[in-house]
Amino acid sequence: MVEIPTLLNEVCSRESDFGSSPPTSLSDLFYLFDSLLETKKQIETKELELERQLSDIVLQKNHISNKILQFKVILTEISSAARRGDIPLTTTEEFQILQGLQTFK
């Protein structure tokens, strides 16, 4: 009949890397198991938090992208109105609008 410490030593050395101190009793084994479960729970909680943060970042990025597109539409409309002669623009203003539109190409 094999004793639990002997069996634990054989199985742990074959199945896992416990280094120089494998569990020698069932209570040691369950303590390690509980520690692993707690660590896994902490990691999963952190993972969920990071996923929420990433989602917030993506929403912010999309919001900024939409604002940038709105800026392009405004510049395009001002440029079109100036070409039609509907609004007067100074040379500096025309240059700024052209520069702004170039950033979208």
PDB file of N, CA and C in Angstrom:
ATOM      1  N   MET A   1       0.839  -1.169   0.000  1.00  0.00           N
ATOM      2  CA  MET A   1       0.000   0.000   0.000  1.00  0.00           C
ATOM      3  C   MET A   1       0.894   1.246   0.000  1.00  0.00           C
ATOM      4  N   VAL A   2       0.580   2.199  -0.877  1.00  0.00           N
ATOM      5  CA  VAL A   2       1.371   3.417  -1.012  1.00  0.00           C
ATOM      6  C   VAL A   2       0.799   4.490  -0.085  1.00  0.00           C
ATOM      7  N   GLU A   3       1.675   5.216   0.581  1.00  0.00           N
ATOM      8  CA  GLU A   3       1.236   6.304   1.449  1.00  0.00           C
ATOM      9  C   GLU A   3       1.035   7.570   0.625  1.00  0.00           C
ATOM     10  N   ILE A   4       0.173   8.459   1.126  1.00  0.00           N
ATOM     11  CA  ILE A   4      -0.151   9.693   0.410  1.00  0.00           C
ATOM     12  C   ILE A   4       1.091  10.532   0.106  1.00  0.00           C
ATOM     13  N   PRO A   5       1.997  10.761   1.063  1.00  0.00           N
ATOM     14  CA  PRO A   5       3.184  11.571   0.715  1.00  0.00           C
ATOM     15  C   PRO A   5       3.997  10.971  -0.434  1.00  0.00           C
ATOM     16  N   THR A   6       4.119   9.667  -0.464  1.00  0.00           N
ATOM     17  CA  THR A   6       4.874   9.016  -1.534  1.00  0.00           C
ATOM     18  C   THR A   6       4.154   9.198  -2.871  1.00  0.00           C
ATOM     19  N   LEU A   7       2.859   8.967  -2.865  1.00  0.00           N
ATOM     20  CA  LEU A   7       2.064   9.127  -4.084  1.00  0.00           C
ATOM     21  C   LEU A   7       2.106  10.581  -4.567  1.00  0.00           C
ATOM     22  N   LEU A   8       1.937  11.516  -3.646  1.00  0.00           N
ATOM     23  CA  LEU A   8       2.005  12.928  -4.014  1.00  0.00           C
ATOM     24  C   LEU A   8       3.353  13.273  -4.639  1.00  0.00           C
ATOM     25  N   ASN A   9       4.400  12.788  -4.048  1.00  0.00           N
ATOM     26  CA  ASN A   9       5.742  13.063  -4.551  1.00  0.00           C
ATOM     27  C   ASN A   9       5.896  12.521  -5.971  1.00  0.00           C
ATOM     28  N   GLU A  10       5.443  11.300  -6.190  1.00  0.00           N
ATOM     29  CA  GLU A  10       5.557  10.697  -7.523  1.00  0.00           C
ATOM     30  C   GLU A  10       4.721  11.454  -8.551  1.00  0.00           C
ATOM     31  N   VAL A  11       3.474  11.718  -8.211  1.00  0.00           N
ATOM     32  CA  VAL A  11       2.572  12.374  -9.164  1.00  0.00           C
ATOM     33  C   VAL A  11       3.011  13.815  -9.428  1.00  0.00           C
ATOM     34  N   CYS A  12       3.366  14.539  -8.363  1.00  0.00           N
ATOM     35  CA  CYS A  12       3.766  15.936  -8.529  1.00  0.00           C
ATOM     36  C   CYS A  12       5.060  16.065  -9.320  1.00  0.00           C
ATOM     37  N   SER A  13       5.977  15.169  -9.119  1.00  0.00           N
ATOM     38  CA  SER A  13       7.232  15.249  -9.866  1.00  0.00           C
ATOM     39  C   SER A  13       7.003  14.910 -11.334  1.00  0.00           C
ATOM     40  N   ARG A  14       6.009  14.096 -11.613  1.00  0.00           N
ATOM     41  CA  ARG A  14       5.710  13.701 -12.985  1.00  0.00           C
ATOM     42  C   ARG A  14       4.795  14.710 -13.687  1.00  0.00           C
ATOM     43  N   GLU A  15       3.840  15.273 -12.977  1.00  0.00           N
ATOM     44  CA  GLU A  15       2.785  16.081 -13.595  1.00  0.00           C
ATOM     45  C   GLU A  15       2.981  17.589 -13.504  1.00  0.00           C
ATOM     46  N   SER A  16       3.804  18.064 -12.627  1.00  0.00           N
ATOM     47  CA  SER A  16       3.906  19.502 -12.440  1.00  0.00           C
ATOM     48  C   SER A  16       5.289  19.872 -11.924  1.00  0.00           C
ATOM     49  N   ASP A  17       5.576  21.151 -11.971  1.00  0.00           N
ATOM     50  CA  ASP A  17       6.859  21.645 -11.488  1.00  0.00           C
ATOM     51  C   ASP A  17       6.654  22.371 -10.164  1.00  0.00           C
ATOM     52  N   PHE A  18       6.870  21.679  -9.088  1.00  0.00           N
ATOM     53  CA  PHE A  18       6.763  22.271  -7.759  1.00  0.00           C
ATOM     54  C   PHE A  18       8.137  22.629  -7.202  1.00  0.00           C
ATOM     55  N   GLY A  19       9.145  22.481  -8.021  1.00  0.00           N
ATOM     56  CA  GLY A  19      10.496  22.777  -7.577  1.00  0.00           C
ATOM     57  C   GLY A  19      10.941  21.786  -6.521  1.00  0.00           C
ATOM     58  N   SER A  20      11.629  22.305  -5.523  1.00  0.00           N
ATOM     59  CA  SER A  20      12.186  21.411  -4.511  1.00  0.00           C
ATOM     60  C   SER A  20      11.218  21.137  -3.364  1.00  0.00           C
ATOM     61  N   SER A  21      10.010  21.715  -3.420  1.00  0.00           N
ATOM     62  CA  SER A  21       9.085  21.513  -2.304  1.00  0.00           C
ATOM     63  C   SER A  21       7.685  21.129  -2.776  1.00  0.00           C
ATOM     64  N   PRO A  22       7.523  19.914  -3.279  1.00  0.00           N
ATOM     65  CA  PRO A  22       6.177  19.474  -3.659  1.00  0.00           C
ATOM     66  C   PRO A  22       5.335  19.270  -2.398  1.00  0.00           C
ATOM     67  N   PRO A  23       4.021  19.310  -2.540  1.00  0.00           N
ATOM     68  CA  PRO A  23       3.175  19.074  -1.379  1.00  0.00           C
ATOM     69  C   PRO A  23       3.403  17.669  -0.824  1.00  0.00           C
ATOM     70  N   THR A  24       3.378  17.576   0.484  1.00  0.00           N
ATOM     71  CA  THR A  24       3.616  16.271   1.120  1.00  0.00           C
ATOM     72  C   THR A  24       2.376  15.739   1.811  1.00  0.00           C
ATOM     73  N   SER A  25       1.292  16.510   1.787  1.00  0.00           N
ATOM     74  CA  SER A  25       0.043  16.052   2.399  1.00  0.00           C
ATOM     75  C   SER A  25      -1.122  16.569   1.568  1.00  0.00           C
ATOM     76  N   LEU A  26      -2.266  15.993   1.813  1.00  0.00           N
ATOM     77  CA  LEU A  26      -3.457  16.468   1.101  1.00  0.00           C
ATOM     78  C   LEU A  26      -3.771  17.912   1.467  1.00  0.00           C
ATOM     79  N   SER A  27      -3.539  18.291   2.720  1.00  0.00           N
ATOM     80  CA  SER A  27      -3.813  19.675   3.104  1.00  0.00           C
ATOM     81  C   SER A  27      -2.872  20.634   2.356  1.00  0.00           C
ATOM     82  N   ASP A  28      -1.614  20.247   2.181  1.00  0.00           N
ATOM     83  CA  ASP A  28      -0.681  21.055   1.384  1.00  0.00           C
ATOM     84  C   ASP A  28      -1.168  21.163  -0.063  1.00  0.00           C
ATOM     85  N   LEU A  29      -1.600  20.046  -0.592  1.00  0.00           N
ATOM     86  CA  LEU A  29      -2.075  20.013  -1.978  1.00  0.00           C
ATOM     87  C   LEU A  29      -3.289  20.926  -2.149  1.00  0.00           C
ATOM     88  N   PHE A  30      -4.247  20.839  -1.225  1.00  0.00           N
ATOM     89  CA  PHE A  30      -5.434  21.681  -1.334  1.00  0.00           C
ATOM     90  C   PHE A  30      -5.122  23.148  -1.061  1.00  0.00           C
ATOM     91  N   TYR A  31      -4.149  23.407  -0.211  1.00  0.00           N
ATOM     92  CA  TYR A  31      -3.715  24.788  -0.001  1.00  0.00           C
ATOM     93  C   TYR A  31      -3.161  25.369  -1.308  1.00  0.00           C
ATOM     94  N   LEU A  32      -2.332  24.603  -1.993  1.00  0.00           N
ATOM     95  CA  LEU A  32      -1.795  25.041  -3.284  1.00  0.00           C
ATOM     96  C   LEU A  32      -2.914  25.223  -4.310  1.00  0.00           C
ATOM     97  N   PHE A  33      -3.848  24.285  -4.306  1.00  0.00           N
ATOM     98  CA  PHE A  33      -4.970  24.357  -5.231  1.00  0.00           C
ATOM     99  C   PHE A  33      -5.802  25.612  -4.968  1.00  0.00           C
ATOM    100  N   ASP A  34      -6.102  25.900  -3.702  1.00  0.00           N
ATOM    101  CA  ASP A  34      -6.854  27.106  -3.350  1.00  0.00           C
ATOM    102  C   ASP A  34      -6.094  28.358  -3.770  1.00  0.00           C
ATOM    103  N   SER A  35      -4.775  28.339  -3.569  1.00  0.00           N
ATOM    104  CA  SER A  35      -3.954  29.483  -3.978  1.00  0.00           C
ATOM    105  C   SER A  35      -4.023  29.683  -5.486  1.00  0.00           C
ATOM    106  N   LEU A  36      -3.966  28.592  -6.222  1.00  0.00           N
ATOM    107  CA  LEU A  36      -4.059  28.682  -7.686  1.00  0.00           C
ATOM    108  C   LEU A  36      -5.419  29.222  -8.121  1.00  0.00           C
ATOM    109  N   LEU A  37      -6.475  28.752  -7.487  1.00  0.00           N
ATOM    110  CA  LEU A  37      -7.814  29.238  -7.832  1.00  0.00           C
ATOM    111  C   LEU A  37      -7.956  30.731  -7.529  1.00  0.00           C
ATOM    112  N   GLU A  38      -7.430  31.160  -6.401  1.00  0.00           N
ATOM    113  CA  GLU A  38      -7.491  32.577  -6.040  1.00  0.00           C
ATOM    114  C   GLU A  38      -6.688  33.417  -7.024  1.00  0.00           C
ATOM    115  N   THR A  39      -5.516  32.946  -7.392  1.00  0.00           N
ATOM    116  CA  THR A  39      -4.690  33.666  -8.371  1.00  0.00           C
ATOM    117  C   THR A  39      -5.408  33.752  -9.714  1.00  0.00           C
ATOM    118  N   LYS A  40      -6.027  32.655 -10.116  1.00  0.00           N
ATOM    119  CA  LYS A  40      -6.770  32.643 -11.377  1.00  0.00           C
ATOM    120  C   LYS A  40      -7.918  33.650 -11.324  1.00  0.00           C
ATOM    121  N   LYS A  41      -8.626  33.701 -10.211  1.00  0.00           N
ATOM    122  CA  LYS A  41      -9.733  34.638 -10.047  1.00  0.00           C
ATOM    123  C   LYS A  41      -9.232  36.083 -10.138  1.00  0.00           C
ATOM    124  N   GLN A  42      -8.103  36.374  -9.501  1.00  0.00           N
ATOM    125  CA  GLN A  42      -7.531  37.723  -9.548  1.00  0.00           C
ATOM    126  C   GLN A  42      -7.136  38.098 -10.974  1.00  0.00           C
ATOM    127  N   ILE A  43      -6.554  37.157 -11.688  1.00  0.00           N
ATOM    128  CA  ILE A  43      -6.140  37.408 -13.070  1.00  0.00           C
ATOM    129  C   ILE A  43      -7.357  37.657 -13.952  1.00  0.00           C
ATOM    130  N   GLU A  44      -8.399  36.859 -13.773  1.00  0.00           N
ATOM    131  CA  GLU A  44      -9.612  37.037 -14.573  1.00  0.00           C
ATOM    132  C   GLU A  44     -10.273  38.379 -14.274  1.00  0.00           C
ATOM    133  N   THR A  45     -10.254  38.803 -13.007  1.00  0.00           N
ATOM    134  CA  THR A  45     -10.803  40.106 -12.643  1.00  0.00           C
ATOM    135  C   THR A  45     -10.004  41.220 -13.314  1.00  0.00           C
ATOM    136  N   LYS A  46      -8.685  41.099 -13.287  1.00  0.00           N
ATOM    137  CA  LYS A  46      -7.829  42.083 -13.940  1.00  0.00           C
ATOM    138  C   LYS A  46      -8.060  42.089 -15.450  1.00  0.00           C
ATOM    139  N   GLU A  47      -8.238  40.911 -16.013  1.00  0.00           N
ATOM    140  CA  GLU A  47      -8.497  40.798 -17.445  1.00  0.00           C
ATOM    141  C   GLU A  47      -9.788  41.526 -17.819  1.00  0.00           C
ATOM    142  N   LEU A  48     -10.836  41.355 -17.016  1.00  0.00           N
ATOM    143  CA  LEU A  48     -12.102  42.046 -17.280  1.00  0.00           C
ATOM    144  C   LEU A  48     -11.934  43.561 -17.188  1.00  0.00           C
ATOM    145  N   GLU A  49     -11.178  44.009 -16.198  1.00  0.00           N
ATOM    146  CA  GLU A  49     -10.927  45.442 -16.046  1.00  0.00           C
ATOM    147  C   GLU A  49     -10.168  45.981 -17.256  1.00  0.00           C
ATOM    148  N   LEU A  50      -9.169  45.242 -17.726  1.00  0.00           N
ATOM    149  CA  LEU A  50      -8.407  45.676 -18.901  1.00  0.00           C
ATOM    150  C   LEU A  50      -9.291  45.692 -20.150  1.00  0.00           C
ATOM    151  N   GLU A  51     -10.198  44.725 -20.265  1.00  0.00           N
ATOM    152  CA  GLU A  51     -11.122  44.710 -21.398  1.00  0.00           C
ATOM    153  C   GLU A  51     -12.031  45.930 -21.365  1.00  0.00           C
ATOM    154  N   ARG A  52     -12.502  46.308 -20.163  1.00  0.00           N
ATOM    155  CA  ARG A  52     -13.343  47.512 -20.035  1.00  0.00           C
ATOM    156  C   ARG A  52     -12.535  48.752 -20.402  1.00  0.00           C
ATOM    157  N   GLN A  53     -11.288  48.820 -19.933  1.00  0.00           N
ATOM    158  CA  GLN A  53     -10.448  49.966 -20.259  1.00  0.00           C
ATOM    159  C   GLN A  53     -10.205  50.056 -21.761  1.00  0.00           C
ATOM    160  N   LEU A  54      -9.939  48.913 -22.377  1.00  0.00           N
ATOM    161  CA  LEU A  54      -9.718  48.895 -23.819  1.00  0.00           C
ATOM    162  C   LEU A  54     -10.974  49.348 -24.562  1.00  0.00           C
ATOM    163  N   SER A  55     -12.127  48.896 -24.106  1.00  0.00           N
ATOM    164  CA  SER A  55     -13.385  49.304 -24.718  1.00  0.00           C
ATOM    165  C   SER A  55     -13.571  50.815 -24.611  1.00  0.00           C
ATOM    166  N   ASP A  56     -13.251  51.380 -23.447  1.00  0.00           N
ATOM    167  CA  ASP A  56     -13.345  52.833 -23.272  1.00  0.00           C
ATOM    168  C   ASP A  56     -12.390  53.561 -24.216  1.00  0.00           C
ATOM    169  N   ILE A  57     -11.188  53.033 -24.369  1.00  0.00           N
ATOM    170  CA  ILE A  57     -10.200  53.652 -25.260  1.00  0.00           C
ATOM    171  C   ILE A  57     -10.686  53.613 -26.709  1.00  0.00           C
ATOM    172  N   VAL A  58     -11.254  52.488 -27.111  1.00  0.00           N
ATOM    173  CA  VAL A  58     -11.768  52.369 -28.485  1.00  0.00           C
ATOM    174  C   VAL A  58     -12.909  53.363 -28.699  1.00  0.00           C
ATOM    175  N   LEU A  59     -13.786  53.511 -27.699  1.00  0.00           N
ATOM    176  CA  LEU A  59     -14.873  54.488 -27.823  1.00  0.00           C
ATOM    177  C   LEU A  59     -14.325  55.908 -27.950  1.00  0.00           C
ATOM    178  N   GLN A  60     -13.319  56.236 -27.148  1.00  0.00           N
ATOM    179  CA  GLN A  60     -12.701  57.562 -27.229  1.00  0.00           C
ATOM    180  C   GLN A  60     -12.063  57.779 -28.595  1.00  0.00           C
ATOM    181  N   LYS A  61     -11.373  56.753 -29.082  1.00  0.00           N
ATOM    182  CA  LYS A  61     -10.727  56.856 -30.401  1.00  0.00           C
ATOM    183  C   LYS A  61     -11.772  57.088 -31.486  1.00  0.00           C
ATOM    184  N   ASN A  62     -12.867  56.349 -31.431  1.00  0.00           N
ATOM    185  CA  ASN A  62     -13.925  56.522 -32.431  1.00  0.00           C
ATOM    186  C   ASN A  62     -14.540  57.921 -32.348  1.00  0.00           C
ATOM    187  N   HIS A  63     -14.718  58.412 -31.132  1.00  0.00           N
ATOM    188  CA  HIS A  63     -15.263  59.752 -30.942  1.00  0.00           C
ATOM    189  C   HIS A  63     -14.342  60.799 -31.574  1.00  0.00           C
ATOM    190  N   ILE A  64     -13.047  60.679 -31.314  1.00  0.00           N
ATOM    191  CA  ILE A  64     -12.073  61.616 -31.881  1.00  0.00           C
ATOM    192  C   ILE A  64     -12.049  61.495 -33.407  1.00  0.00           C
ATOM    193  N   SER A  65     -12.114  60.266 -33.916  1.00  0.00           N
ATOM    194  CA  SER A  65     -12.124  60.066 -35.373  1.00  0.00           C
ATOM    195  C   SER A  65     -13.337  60.753 -36.001  1.00  0.00           C
ATOM    196  N   ASN A  66     -14.483  60.649 -35.340  1.00  0.00           N
ATOM    197  CA  ASN A  66     -15.686  61.315 -35.853  1.00  0.00           C
ATOM    198  C   ASN A  66     -15.528  62.834 -35.831  1.00  0.00           C
ATOM    199  N   LYS A  67     -14.924  63.356 -34.778  1.00  0.00           N
ATOM    200  CA  LYS A  67     -14.696  64.801 -34.699  1.00  0.00           C
ATOM    201  C   LYS A  67     -13.749  65.258 -35.810  1.00  0.00           C
ATOM    202  N   ILE A  68     -12.726  64.447 -36.091  1.00  0.00           N
ATOM    203  CA  ILE A  68     -11.777  64.779 -37.163  1.00  0.00           C
ATOM    204  C   ILE A  68     -12.491  64.790 -38.512  1.00  0.00           C
ATOM    205  N   LEU A  69     -13.380  63.829 -38.740  1.00  0.00           N
ATOM    206  CA  LEU A  69     -14.141  63.808 -40.000  1.00  0.00           C
ATOM    207  C   LEU A  69     -15.058  65.024 -40.101  1.00  0.00           C
ATOM    208  N   GLN A  70     -15.652  65.425 -38.973  1.00  0.00           N
ATOM    209  CA  GLN A  70     -16.473  66.632 -38.974  1.00  0.00           C
ATOM    210  C   GLN A  70     -15.633  67.850 -39.346  1.00  0.00           C
ATOM    211  N   PHE A  71     -14.421  67.897 -38.843  1.00  0.00           N
ATOM    212  CA  PHE A  71     -13.506  68.982 -39.168  1.00  0.00           C
ATOM    213  C   PHE A  71     -13.244  69.014 -40.674  1.00  0.00           C
ATOM    214  N   LYS A  72     -13.040  67.848 -41.262  1.00  0.00           N
ATOM    215  CA  LYS A  72     -12.799  67.776 -42.707  1.00  0.00           C
ATOM    216  C   LYS A  72     -14.010  68.294 -43.479  1.00  0.00           C
ATOM    217  N   VAL A  73     -15.202  67.915 -43.061  1.00  0.00           N
ATOM    218  CA  VAL A  73     -16.421  68.368 -43.735  1.00  0.00           C
ATOM    219  C   VAL A  73     -16.531  69.889 -43.652  1.00  0.00           C
ATOM    220  N   ILE A  74     -16.246  70.438 -42.489  1.00  0.00           N
ATOM    221  CA  ILE A  74     -16.315  71.895 -42.314  1.00  0.00           C
ATOM    222  C   ILE A  74     -15.312  72.590 -43.225  1.00  0.00           C
ATOM    223  N   LEU A  75     -14.073  72.102 -43.237  1.00  0.00           N
ATOM    224  CA  LEU A  75     -13.052  72.717 -44.111  1.00  0.00           C
ATOM    225  C   LEU A  75     -13.447  72.609 -45.580  1.00  0.00           C
ATOM    226  N   THR A  76     -13.987  71.468 -45.975  1.00  0.00           N
ATOM    227  CA  THR A  76     -14.396  71.264 -47.367  1.00  0.00           C
ATOM    228  C   THR A  76     -15.519  72.230 -47.742  1.00  0.00           C
ATOM    229  N   GLU A  77     -16.470  72.401 -46.843  1.00  0.00           N
ATOM    230  CA  GLU A  77     -17.584  73.315 -47.132  1.00  0.00           C
ATOM    231  C   GLU A  77     -17.119  74.762 -47.204  1.00  0.00           C
ATOM    232  N   ILE A  78     -16.212  75.152 -46.320  1.00  0.00           N
ATOM    233  CA  ILE A  78     -15.675  76.516 -46.370  1.00  0.00           C
ATOM    234  C   ILE A  78     -14.908  76.722 -47.675  1.00  0.00           C
ATOM    235  N   SER A  79     -14.096  75.729 -48.046  1.00  0.00           N
ATOM    236  CA  SER A  79     -13.323  75.819 -49.288  1.00  0.00           C
ATOM    237  C   SER A  79     -14.243  75.928 -50.500  1.00  0.00           C
ATOM    238  N   SER A  80     -15.290  75.119 -50.509  1.00  0.00           N
ATOM    239  CA  SER A  80     -16.244  75.163 -51.630  1.00  0.00           C
ATOM    240  C   SER A  80     -16.952  76.509 -51.702  1.00  0.00           C
ATOM    241  N   ALA A  81     -17.357  77.020 -50.552  1.00  0.00           N
ATOM    242  CA  ALA A  81     -18.036  78.319 -50.523  1.00  0.00           C
ATOM    243  C   ALA A  81     -17.098  79.427 -50.999  1.00  0.00           C
ATOM    244  N   ALA A  82     -15.836  79.332 -50.627  1.00  0.00           N
ATOM    245  CA  ALA A  82     -14.861  80.335 -51.071  1.00  0.00           C
ATOM    246  C   ALA A  82     -14.654  80.260 -52.581  1.00  0.00           C
ATOM    247  N   ARG A  83     -14.594  79.050 -53.139  1.00  0.00           N
ATOM    248  CA  ARG A  83     -14.406  78.907 -54.597  1.00  0.00           C
ATOM    249  C   ARG A  83     -15.607  79.450 -55.366  1.00  0.00           C
ATOM    250  N   ARG A  84     -16.803  79.287 -54.791  1.00  0.00           N
ATOM    251  CA  ARG A  84     -18.003  79.825 -55.445  1.00  0.00           C
ATOM    252  C   ARG A  84     -18.089  81.339 -55.295  1.00  0.00           C
ATOM    253  N   GLY A  85     -17.282  81.877 -54.403  1.00  0.00           N
ATOM    254  CA  GLY A  85     -17.318  83.315 -54.170  1.00  0.00           C
ATOM    255  C   GLY A  85     -18.341  83.710 -53.116  1.00  0.00           C
ATOM    256  N   ASP A  86     -18.876  82.733 -52.403  1.00  0.00           N
ATOM    257  CA  ASP A  86     -19.886  83.024 -51.381  1.00  0.00           C
ATOM    258  C   ASP A  86     -19.284  83.661 -50.132  1.00  0.00           C
ATOM    259  N   ILE A  87     -18.028  83.358 -49.850  1.00  0.00           N
ATOM    260  CA  ILE A  87     -17.354  83.970 -48.691  1.00  0.00           C
ATOM    261  C   ILE A  87     -15.942  84.380 -49.099  1.00  0.00           C
ATOM    262  N   PRO A  88     -15.512  85.517 -48.600  1.00  0.00           N
ATOM    263  CA  PRO A  88     -14.141  85.932 -48.902  1.00  0.00           C
ATOM    264  C   PRO A  88     -13.169  85.317 -47.890  1.00  0.00           C
ATOM    265  N   LEU A  89     -12.025  84.864 -48.379  1.00  0.00           N
ATOM    266  CA  LEU A  89     -10.979  84.341 -47.506  1.00  0.00           C
ATOM    267  C   LEU A  89      -9.687  85.083 -47.782  1.00  0.00           C
ATOM    268  N   THR A  90      -8.936  85.311 -46.725  1.00  0.00           N
ATOM    269  CA  THR A  90      -7.606  85.902 -46.916  1.00  0.00           C
ATOM    270  C   THR A  90      -6.688  84.805 -47.450  1.00  0.00           C
ATOM    271  N   THR A  91      -5.557  85.221 -47.948  1.00  0.00           N
ATOM    272  CA  THR A  91      -4.570  84.258 -48.438  1.00  0.00           C
ATOM    273  C   THR A  91      -4.151  83.304 -47.317  1.00  0.00           C
ATOM    274  N   THR A  92      -3.988  83.847 -46.123  1.00  0.00           N
ATOM    275  CA  THR A  92      -3.606  83.018 -44.967  1.00  0.00           C
ATOM    276  C   THR A  92      -4.687  81.994 -44.668  1.00  0.00           C
ATOM    277  N   GLU A  93      -5.942  82.423 -44.692  1.00  0.00           N
ATOM    278  CA  GLU A  93      -7.051  81.502 -44.425  1.00  0.00           C
ATOM    279  C   GLU A  93      -7.129  80.401 -45.489  1.00  0.00           C
ATOM    280  N   GLU A  94      -6.965  80.781 -46.752  1.00  0.00           N
ATOM    281  CA  GLU A  94      -6.970  79.786 -47.831  1.00  0.00           C
ATOM    282  C   GLU A  94      -5.856  78.765 -47.617  1.00  0.00           C
ATOM    283  N   PHE A  95      -4.664  79.261 -47.267  1.00  0.00           N
ATOM    284  CA  PHE A  95      -3.520  78.380 -47.032  1.00  0.00           C
ATOM    285  C   PHE A  95      -3.801  77.429 -45.865  1.00  0.00           C
ATOM    286  N   GLN A  96      -4.364  77.971 -44.776  1.00  0.00           N
ATOM    287  CA  GLN A  96      -4.685  77.123 -43.619  1.00  0.00           C
ATOM    288  C   GLN A  96      -5.689  76.032 -43.992  1.00  0.00           C
ATOM    289  N   ILE A  97      -6.697  76.392 -44.773  1.00  0.00           N
ATOM    290  CA  ILE A  97      -7.698  75.407 -45.176  1.00  0.00           C
ATOM    291  C   ILE A  97      -7.066  74.340 -46.072  1.00  0.00           C
ATOM    292  N   LEU A  98      -6.241  74.759 -47.028  1.00  0.00           N
ATOM    293  CA  LEU A  98      -5.579  73.787 -47.892  1.00  0.00           C
ATOM    294  C   LEU A  98      -4.662  72.859 -47.085  1.00  0.00           C
ATOM    295  N   GLN A  99      -3.927  73.439 -46.144  1.00  0.00           N
ATOM    296  CA  GLN A  99      -3.073  72.615 -45.277  1.00  0.00           C
ATOM    297  C   GLN A  99      -3.907  71.616 -44.489  1.00  0.00           C
ATOM    298  N   GLY A 100      -5.013  72.085 -43.925  1.00  0.00           N
ATOM    299  CA  GLY A 100      -5.899  71.213 -43.160  1.00  0.00           C
ATOM    300  C   GLY A 100      -6.443  70.068 -43.993  1.00  0.00           C
ATOM    301  N   LEU A 101      -6.851  70.394 -45.227  1.00  0.00           N
ATOM    302  CA  LEU A 101      -7.388  69.348 -46.126  1.00  0.00           C
ATOM    303  C   LEU A 101      -6.306  68.364 -46.553  1.00  0.00           C
ATOM    304  N   GLN A 102      -5.055  68.837 -46.664  1.00  0.00           N
ATOM    305  CA  GLN A 102      -3.957  67.944 -47.059  1.00  0.00           C
ATOM    306  C   GLN A 102      -3.725  66.852 -46.016  1.00  0.00           C
ATOM    307  N   THR A 103      -4.030  67.125 -44.761  1.00  0.00           N
ATOM    308  CA  THR A 103      -3.814  66.112 -43.709  1.00  0.00           C
ATOM    309  C   THR A 103      -4.715  64.906 -43.898  1.00  0.00           C
ATOM    310  N   PHE A 104      -5.777  65.051 -44.702  1.00  0.00           N
ATOM    311  CA  PHE A 104      -6.715  63.945 -44.911  1.00  0.00           C
ATOM    312  C   PHE A 104      -6.381  63.114 -46.141  1.00  0.00           C
ATOM    313  N   LYS A 105      -5.339  63.483 -46.874  1.00  0.00           N
ATOM    314  CA  LYS A 105      -4.998  62.737 -48.090  1.00  0.00           C
ATOM    315  C   LYS A 105      -3.910  61.739 -47.831  1.00  0.00           C
TER     316      LYS A 105
END
